[in-house]
């Protein structure tokens, strides 16, 4: 491989890393926007659960009994729209 070919290959790798970094930044922004505005709700009818809601919709539920903890996610509301 010539020096010019090595340089071209390194430039391709750098561009790929830049795109990957940008995508990670988009995912971080998406996740922050998802968490922004969540409200915590505790309901006496479900004493082992803590609900995380936004606009009246349950996005997450933290359920804890004497032995285990479970974290549920409403995939219909949380599904990532990033590509």
PDB file of N, CA and C in Angstrom:
ATOM      1  N   UNK A   1       0.852  -1.178   0.000  1.00  0.00           N
ATOM      2  CA  UNK A   1       0.000   0.000   0.000  1.00  0.00           C
ATOM      3  C   UNK A   1       0.893   1.236   0.000  1.00  0.00           C
ATOM      4  N   UNK A   2       0.598   2.133  -0.896  1.00  0.00           N
ATOM      5  CA  UNK A   2       1.411   3.340  -1.000  1.00  0.00           C
ATOM      6  C   UNK A   2       1.039   4.312   0.112  1.00  0.00           C
ATOM      7  N   UNK A   3       1.877   5.304   0.295  1.00  0.00           N
ATOM      8  CA  UNK A   3       1.621   6.330   1.304  1.00  0.00           C
ATOM      9  C   UNK A   3       0.323   7.062   1.003  1.00  0.00           C
ATOM     10  N   UNK A   4       0.089   7.367  -0.258  1.00  0.00           N
ATOM     11  CA  UNK A   4      -1.148   8.053  -0.660  1.00  0.00           C
ATOM     12  C   UNK A   4      -2.377   7.206  -0.342  1.00  0.00           C
ATOM     13  N   UNK A   5      -2.288   5.918  -0.588  1.00  0.00           N
ATOM     14  CA  UNK A   5      -3.404   5.015  -0.287  1.00  0.00           C
ATOM     15  C   UNK A   5      -3.643   4.931   1.226  1.00  0.00           C
ATOM     16  N   UNK A   6      -2.572   4.922   2.006  1.00  0.00           N
ATOM     17  CA  UNK A   6      -2.703   4.901   3.468  1.00  0.00           C
ATOM     18  C   UNK A   6      -3.384   6.166   3.959  1.00  0.00           C
ATOM     19  N   UNK A   7      -2.993   7.309   3.386  1.00  0.00           N
ATOM     20  CA  UNK A   7      -3.599   8.589   3.767  1.00  0.00           C
ATOM     21  C   UNK A   7      -5.091   8.581   3.436  1.00  0.00           C
ATOM     22  N   UNK A   8      -5.431   8.098   2.255  1.00  0.00           N
ATOM     23  CA  UNK A   8      -6.837   8.035   1.855  1.00  0.00           C
ATOM     24  C   UNK A   8      -7.639   7.125   2.781  1.00  0.00           C
ATOM     25  N   UNK A   9      -7.048   5.998   3.145  1.00  0.00           N
ATOM     26  CA  UNK A   9      -7.723   5.076   4.060  1.00  0.00           C
ATOM     27  C   UNK A   9      -7.928   5.715   5.434  1.00  0.00           C
ATOM     28  N   UNK A  10      -6.928   6.415   5.941  1.00  0.00           N
ATOM     29  CA  UNK A  10      -7.050   7.106   7.230  1.00  0.00           C
ATOM     30  C   UNK A  10      -8.108   8.200   7.162  1.00  0.00           C
ATOM     31  N   UNK A  11      -8.175   8.918   6.049  1.00  0.00           N
ATOM     32  CA  UNK A  11      -9.193   9.963   5.893  1.00  0.00           C
ATOM     33  C   UNK A  11     -10.597   9.351   5.910  1.00  0.00           C
ATOM     34  N   UNK A  12     -10.763   8.201   5.290  1.00  0.00           N
ATOM     35  CA  UNK A  12     -12.053   7.507   5.312  1.00  0.00           C
ATOM     36  C   UNK A  12     -12.425   7.112   6.744  1.00  0.00           C
ATOM     37  N   UNK A  13     -11.437   6.606   7.480  1.00  0.00           N
ATOM     38  CA  UNK A  13     -11.684   6.215   8.869  1.00  0.00           C
ATOM     39  C   UNK A  13     -12.059   7.414   9.717  1.00  0.00           C
ATOM     40  N   UNK A  14     -11.400   8.538   9.501  1.00  0.00           N
ATOM     41  CA  UNK A  14     -11.705   9.762  10.258  1.00  0.00           C
ATOM     42  C   UNK A  14     -13.126  10.218   9.961  1.00  0.00           C
ATOM     43  N   UNK A  15     -13.531  10.211   8.703  1.00  0.00           N
ATOM     44  CA  UNK A  15     -14.896  10.596   8.333  1.00  0.00           C
ATOM     45  C   UNK A  15     -15.918   9.667   8.970  1.00  0.00           C
ATOM     46  N   UNK A  16     -15.610   8.381   8.980  1.00  0.00           N
ATOM     47  CA  UNK A  16     -16.505   7.410   9.596  1.00  0.00           C
ATOM     48  C   UNK A  16     -16.659   7.680  11.099  1.00  0.00           C
ATOM     49  N   UNK A  17     -15.555   7.993  11.769  1.00  0.00           N
ATOM     50  CA  UNK A  17     -15.598   8.312  13.201  1.00  0.00           C
ATOM     51  C   UNK A  17     -16.389   9.587  13.466  1.00  0.00           C
ATOM     52  N   UNK A  18     -16.248  10.582  12.590  1.00  0.00           N
ATOM     53  CA  UNK A  18     -17.018  11.822  12.738  1.00  0.00           C
ATOM     54  C   UNK A  18     -18.515  11.550  12.644  1.00  0.00           C
ATOM     55  N   UNK A  19     -18.915  10.729  11.668  1.00  0.00           N
ATOM     56  CA  UNK A  19     -20.327  10.395  11.503  1.00  0.00           C
ATOM     57  C   UNK A  19     -20.849   9.636  12.710  1.00  0.00           C
ATOM     58  N   UNK A  20     -20.049   8.715  13.208  1.00  0.00           N
ATOM     59  CA  UNK A  20     -20.433   7.921  14.374  1.00  0.00           C
ATOM     60  C   UNK A  20     -20.594   8.820  15.599  1.00  0.00           C
ATOM     61  N   UNK A  21     -19.680   9.747  15.777  1.00  0.00           N
ATOM     62  CA  UNK A  21     -19.744  10.682  16.900  1.00  0.00           C
ATOM     63  C   UNK A  21     -20.987  11.553  16.805  1.00  0.00           C
ATOM     64  N   UNK A  22     -21.314  12.006  15.607  1.00  0.00           N
ATOM     65  CA  UNK A  22     -22.497  12.830  15.411  1.00  0.00           C
ATOM     66  C   UNK A  22     -23.755  12.037  15.760  1.00  0.00           C
ATOM     67  N   UNK A  23     -23.800  10.774  15.357  1.00  0.00           N
ATOM     68  CA  UNK A  23     -24.943   9.926  15.647  1.00  0.00           C
ATOM     69  C   UNK A  23     -25.092   9.741  17.152  1.00  0.00           C
ATOM     70  N   UNK A  24     -23.975   9.552  17.865  1.00  0.00           N
ATOM     71  CA  UNK A  24     -24.019   9.409  19.320  1.00  0.00           C
ATOM     72  C   UNK A  24     -24.575  10.676  19.953  1.00  0.00           C
ATOM     73  N   UNK A  25     -24.188  11.837  19.430  1.00  0.00           N
ATOM     74  CA  UNK A  25     -24.707  13.097  19.937  1.00  0.00           C
ATOM     75  C   UNK A  25     -26.205  13.216  19.721  1.00  0.00           C
ATOM     76  N   UNK A  26     -26.688  12.749  18.581  1.00  0.00           N
ATOM     77  CA  UNK A  26     -28.121  12.763  18.301  1.00  0.00           C
ATOM     78  C   UNK A  26     -28.867  11.856  19.276  1.00  0.00           C
ATOM     79  N   UNK A  27     -28.306  10.690  19.557  1.00  0.00           N
ATOM     80  CA  UNK A  27     -28.938   9.764  20.501  1.00  0.00           C
ATOM     81  C   UNK A  27     -28.986  10.372  21.904  1.00  0.00           C
ATOM     82  N   UNK A  28     -27.921  11.026  22.295  1.00  0.00           N
ATOM     83  CA  UNK A  28     -27.887  11.665  23.612  1.00  0.00           C
ATOM     84  C   UNK A  28     -28.960  12.743  23.702  1.00  0.00           C
ATOM     85  N   UNK A  29     -29.093  13.561  22.668  1.00  0.00           N
ATOM     86  CA  UNK A  29     -30.115  14.607  22.654  1.00  0.00           C
ATOM     87  C   UNK A  29     -31.517  14.005  22.690  1.00  0.00           C
ATOM     88  N   UNK A  30     -31.718  12.923  21.927  1.00  0.00           N
ATOM     89  CA  UNK A  30     -33.015  12.253  21.926  1.00  0.00           C
ATOM     90  C   UNK A  30     -33.350  11.748  23.333  1.00  0.00           C
ATOM     91  N   UNK A  31     -32.374  11.127  24.001  1.00  0.00           N
ATOM     92  CA  UNK A  31     -32.622  10.576  25.333  1.00  0.00           C
ATOM     93  C   UNK A  31     -32.918  11.686  26.340  1.00  0.00           C
ATOM     94  N   UNK A  32     -32.176  12.775  26.268  1.00  0.00           N
ATOM     95  CA  UNK A  32     -32.439  13.900  27.168  1.00  0.00           C
ATOM     96  C   UNK A  32     -33.827  14.468  26.938  1.00  0.00           C
ATOM     97  N   UNK A  33     -34.240  14.575  25.672  1.00  0.00           N
ATOM     98  CA  UNK A  33     -35.576  15.103  25.388  1.00  0.00           C
ATOM     99  C   UNK A  33     -36.659  14.149  25.887  1.00  0.00           C
ATOM    100  N   UNK A  34     -36.373  12.852  25.852  1.00  0.00           N
ATOM    101  CA  UNK A  34     -37.318  11.870  26.372  1.00  0.00           C
ATOM    102  C   UNK A  34     -37.498  12.043  27.880  1.00  0.00           C
ATOM    103  N   UNK A  35     -36.406  12.251  28.596  1.00  0.00           N
ATOM    104  CA  UNK A  35     -36.467  12.387  30.050  1.00  0.00           C
ATOM    105  C   UNK A  35     -37.002  13.737  30.491  1.00  0.00           C
ATOM    106  N   UNK A  36     -36.820  14.752  29.658  1.00  0.00           N
ATOM    107  CA  UNK A  36     -37.261  16.099  29.996  1.00  0.00           C
ATOM    108  C   UNK A  36     -38.779  16.129  30.177  1.00  0.00           C
ATOM    109  N   UNK A  37     -39.218  16.577  31.323  1.00  0.00           N
ATOM    110  CA  UNK A  37     -40.646  16.716  31.580  1.00  0.00           C
ATOM    111  C   UNK A  37     -41.311  15.500  32.192  1.00  0.00           C
ATOM    112  N   UNK A  38     -40.567  14.435  32.437  1.00  0.00           N
ATOM    113  CA  UNK A  38     -41.170  13.273  33.096  1.00  0.00           C
ATOM    114  C   UNK A  38     -41.560  13.641  34.522  1.00  0.00           C
ATOM    115  N   UNK A  39     -42.715  13.173  34.929  1.00  0.00           N
ATOM    116  CA  UNK A  39     -43.189  13.394  36.283  1.00  0.00           C
ATOM    117  C   UNK A  39     -43.267  12.053  37.003  1.00  0.00           C
ATOM    118  N   UNK A  40     -42.954  12.071  38.273  1.00  0.00           N
ATOM    119  CA  UNK A  40     -43.011  10.862  39.089  1.00  0.00           C
ATOM    120  C   UNK A  40     -44.396  10.779  39.717  1.00  0.00           C
ATOM    121  N   UNK A  41     -44.999   9.600  39.620  1.00  0.00           N
ATOM    122  CA  UNK A  41     -46.318   9.395  40.230  1.00  0.00           C
ATOM    123  C   UNK A  41     -46.289   8.135  41.071  1.00  0.00           C
ATOM    124  N   UNK A  42     -46.807   8.258  42.275  1.00  0.00           N
ATOM    125  CA  UNK A  42     -46.976   7.115  43.169  1.00  0.00           C
ATOM    126  C   UNK A  42     -48.471   6.949  43.380  1.00  0.00           C
ATOM    127  N   UNK A  43     -48.951   5.735  43.147  1.00  0.00           N
ATOM    128  CA  UNK A  43     -50.380   5.468  43.197  1.00  0.00           C
ATOM    129  C   UNK A  43     -50.638   4.462  44.306  1.00  0.00           C
ATOM    130  N   UNK A  44     -51.560   4.806  45.225  1.00  0.00           N
ATOM    131  CA  UNK A  44     -51.869   3.915  46.348  1.00  0.00           C
ATOM    132  C   UNK A  44     -52.381   2.556  45.890  1.00  0.00           C
ATOM    133  N   UNK A  45     -52.968   2.488  44.694  1.00  0.00           N
ATOM    134  CA  UNK A  45     -53.470   1.221  44.179  1.00  0.00           C
ATOM    135  C   UNK A  45     -52.335   0.281  43.755  1.00  0.00           C
ATOM    136  N   UNK A  46     -51.151   0.851  43.538  1.00  0.00           N
ATOM    137  CA  UNK A  46     -49.970   0.075  43.125  1.00  0.00           C
ATOM    138  C   UNK A  46     -48.798   0.439  44.039  1.00  0.00           C
ATOM    139  N   UNK A  47     -48.839  -0.029  45.291  1.00  0.00           N
ATOM    140  CA  UNK A  47     -47.852   0.415  46.284  1.00  0.00           C
ATOM    141  C   UNK A  47     -46.415   0.005  45.987  1.00  0.00           C
ATOM    142  N   UNK A  48     -46.204  -0.962  45.124  1.00  0.00           N
ATOM    143  CA  UNK A  48     -44.844  -1.401  44.817  1.00  0.00           C
ATOM    144  C   UNK A  48     -44.274  -0.735  43.570  1.00  0.00           C
ATOM    145  N   UNK A  49     -45.015   0.193  42.987  1.00  0.00           N
ATOM    146  CA  UNK A  49     -44.603   0.792  41.722  1.00  0.00           C
ATOM    147  C   UNK A  49     -44.400   2.296  41.831  1.00  0.00           C
ATOM    148  N   UNK A  50     -43.458   2.776  41.062  1.00  0.00           N
ATOM    149  CA  UNK A  50     -43.261   4.204  40.841  1.00  0.00           C
ATOM    150  C   UNK A  50     -43.392   4.397  39.340  1.00  0.00           C
ATOM    151  N   UNK A  51     -44.265   5.316  38.945  1.00  0.00           N
ATOM    152  CA  UNK A  51     -44.508   5.555  37.527  1.00  0.00           C
ATOM    153  C   UNK A  51     -43.834   6.850  37.092  1.00  0.00           C
ATOM    154  N   UNK A  52     -43.320   6.845  35.877  1.00  0.00           N
ATOM    155  CA  UNK A  52     -42.702   8.031  35.280  1.00  0.00           C
ATOM    156  C   UNK A  52     -43.549   8.391  34.074  1.00  0.00           C
ATOM    157  N   UNK A  53     -44.245   9.547  34.180  1.00  0.00           N
ATOM    158  CA  UNK A  53     -45.249   9.915  33.194  1.00  0.00           C
ATOM    159  C   UNK A  53     -44.929  11.252  32.532  1.00  0.00           C
ATOM    160  N   UNK A  54     -45.475  11.388  31.340  1.00  0.00           N
ATOM    161  CA  UNK A  54     -45.406  12.658  30.620  1.00  0.00           C
ATOM    162  C   UNK A  54     -46.693  12.783  29.810  1.00  0.00           C
ATOM    163  N   UNK A  55     -47.310  13.932  29.889  1.00  0.00           N
ATOM    164  CA  UNK A  55     -48.556  14.182  29.155  1.00  0.00           C
ATOM    165  C   UNK A  55     -49.616  13.110  29.434  1.00  0.00           C
ATOM    166  N   UNK A  56     -49.667  12.636  30.673  1.00  0.00           N
ATOM    167  CA  UNK A  56     -50.661  11.650  31.059  1.00  0.00           C
ATOM    168  C   UNK A  56     -50.340  10.224  30.655  1.00  0.00           C
ATOM    169  N   UNK A  57     -49.228  10.007  29.977  1.00  0.00           N
ATOM    170  CA  UNK A  57     -48.831   8.669  29.519  1.00  0.00           C
ATOM    171  C   UNK A  57     -47.714   8.117  30.392  1.00  0.00           C
ATOM    172  N   UNK A  58     -47.814   6.833  30.711  1.00  0.00           N
ATOM    173  CA  UNK A  58     -46.762   6.170  31.488  1.00  0.00           C
ATOM    174  C   UNK A  58     -45.654   5.744  30.531  1.00  0.00           C
ATOM    175  N   UNK A  59     -44.464   6.308  30.737  1.00  0.00           N
ATOM    176  CA  UNK A  59     -43.306   5.953  29.925  1.00  0.00           C
ATOM    177  C   UNK A  59     -42.513   4.814  30.563  1.00  0.00           C
ATOM    178  N   UNK A  60     -42.374   4.878  31.898  1.00  0.00           N
ATOM    179  CA  UNK A  60     -41.597   3.879  32.625  1.00  0.00           C
ATOM    180  C   UNK A  60     -42.314   3.515  33.914  1.00  0.00           C
ATOM    181  N   UNK A  61     -42.009   2.326  34.406  1.00  0.00           N
ATOM    182  CA  UNK A  61     -42.487   1.900  35.717  1.00  0.00           C
ATOM    183  C   UNK A  61     -41.348   1.188  36.430  1.00  0.00           C
ATOM    184  N   UNK A  62     -41.106   1.586  37.659  1.00  0.00           N
ATOM    185  CA  UNK A  62     -40.152   0.895  38.520  1.00  0.00           C
ATOM    186  C   UNK A  62     -40.970   0.117  39.541  1.00  0.00           C
ATOM    187  N   UNK A  63     -40.855  -1.200  39.491  1.00  0.00           N
ATOM    188  CA  UNK A  63     -41.596  -2.079  40.384  1.00  0.00           C
ATOM    189  C   UNK A  63     -40.598  -2.772  41.295  1.00  0.00           C
ATOM    190  N   UNK A  64     -40.908  -2.767  42.582  1.00  0.00           N
ATOM    191  CA  UNK A  64     -40.004  -3.403  43.538  1.00  0.00           C
ATOM    192  C   UNK A  64     -40.819  -4.196  44.545  1.00  0.00           C
ATOM    193  N   UNK A  65     -40.499  -5.479  44.623  1.00  0.00           N
ATOM    194  CA  UNK A  65     -41.093  -6.285  45.689  1.00  0.00           C
ATOM    195  C   UNK A  65     -39.983  -6.629  46.672  1.00  0.00           C
ATOM    196  N   UNK A  66     -40.254  -7.536  47.589  1.00  0.00           N
ATOM    197  CA  UNK A  66     -39.270  -7.833  48.636  1.00  0.00           C
ATOM    198  C   UNK A  66     -38.027  -8.538  48.102  1.00  0.00           C
ATOM    199  N   UNK A  67     -38.110  -9.112  46.901  1.00  0.00           N
ATOM    200  CA  UNK A  67     -36.978  -9.869  46.375  1.00  0.00           C
ATOM    201  C   UNK A  67     -36.296  -9.237  45.172  1.00  0.00           C
ATOM    202  N   UNK A  68     -37.058  -8.578  44.307  1.00  0.00           N
ATOM    203  CA  UNK A  68     -36.492  -8.111  43.053  1.00  0.00           C
ATOM    204  C   UNK A  68     -37.001  -6.726  42.684  1.00  0.00           C
ATOM    205  N   UNK A  69     -36.282  -6.106  41.754  1.00  0.00           N
ATOM    206  CA  UNK A  69     -36.702  -4.843  41.168  1.00  0.00           C
ATOM    207  C   UNK A  69     -36.865  -5.055  39.667  1.00  0.00           C
ATOM    208  N   UNK A  70     -37.877  -4.405  39.097  1.00  0.00           N
ATOM    209  CA  UNK A  70     -38.110  -4.470  37.659  1.00  0.00           C
ATOM    210  C   UNK A  70     -38.283  -3.049  37.128  1.00  0.00           C
ATOM    211  N   UNK A  71     -37.766  -2.814  35.961  1.00  0.00           N
ATOM    212  CA  UNK A  71     -37.927  -1.522  35.314  1.00  0.00           C
ATOM    213  C   UNK A  71     -38.583  -1.771  33.970  1.00  0.00           C
ATOM    214  N   UNK A  72     -39.815  -1.296  33.840  1.00  0.00           N
ATOM    215  CA  UNK A  72     -40.568  -1.498  32.613  1.00  0.00           C
ATOM    216  C   UNK A  72     -40.532  -0.239  31.758  1.00  0.00           C
ATOM    217  N   UNK A  73     -40.624  -0.442  30.477  1.00  0.00           N
ATOM    218  CA  UNK A  73     -40.564   0.650  29.517  1.00  0.00           C
ATOM    219  C   UNK A  73     -41.718   0.483  28.528  1.00  0.00           C
ATOM    220  N   UNK A  74     -42.448   1.557  28.250  1.00  0.00           N
ATOM    221  CA  UNK A  74     -43.494   1.527  27.238  1.00  0.00           C
ATOM    222  C   UNK A  74     -42.827   1.756  25.884  1.00  0.00           C
ATOM    223  N   UNK A  75     -42.539   0.686  25.182  1.00  0.00           N
ATOM    224  CA  UNK A  75     -41.782   0.773  23.934  1.00  0.00           C
ATOM    225  C   UNK A  75     -42.514   1.563  22.855  1.00  0.00           C
ATOM    226  N   UNK A  76     -43.835   1.582  22.919  1.00  0.00           N
ATOM    227  CA  UNK A  76     -44.583   2.369  21.941  1.00  0.00           C
ATOM    228  C   UNK A  76     -44.330   3.868  22.094  1.00  0.00           C
ATOM    229  N   UNK A  77     -44.065   4.302  23.317  1.00  0.00           N
ATOM    230  CA  UNK A  77     -43.802   5.720  23.566  1.00  0.00           C
ATOM    231  C   UNK A  77     -42.324   6.057  23.541  1.00  0.00           C
ATOM    232  N   UNK A  78     -41.495   5.103  23.894  1.00  0.00           N
ATOM    233  CA  UNK A  78     -40.069   5.365  24.052  1.00  0.00           C
ATOM    234  C   UNK A  78     -39.267   4.987  22.805  1.00  0.00           C
ATOM    235  N   UNK A  79     -39.830   4.225  21.908  1.00  0.00           N
ATOM    236  CA  UNK A  79     -39.116   3.748  20.735  1.00  0.00           C
ATOM    237  C   UNK A  79     -38.290   4.833  20.069  1.00  0.00           C
ATOM    238  N   UNK A  80     -37.024   4.566  19.841  1.00  0.00           N
ATOM    239  CA  UNK A  80     -36.097   5.548  19.274  1.00  0.00           C
ATOM    240  C   UNK A  80     -36.426   5.811  17.817  1.00  0.00           C
ATOM    241  N   UNK A  81     -36.456   7.079  17.455  1.00  0.00           N
ATOM    242  CA  UNK A  81     -36.717   7.470  16.086  1.00  0.00           C
ATOM    243  C   UNK A  81     -35.447   7.902  15.372  1.00  0.00           C
ATOM    244  N   UNK A  82     -34.300   7.710  16.026  1.00  0.00           N
ATOM    245  CA  UNK A  82     -33.015   8.067  15.421  1.00  0.00           C
ATOM    246  C   UNK A  82     -32.573   6.959  14.485  1.00  0.00           C
ATOM    247  N   UNK A  83     -31.885   7.334  13.445  1.00  0.00           N
ATOM    248  CA  UNK A  83     -31.376   6.329  12.500  1.00  0.00           C
ATOM    249  C   UNK A  83     -29.875   6.456  12.385  1.00  0.00           C
TER     250      UNK A  83
END
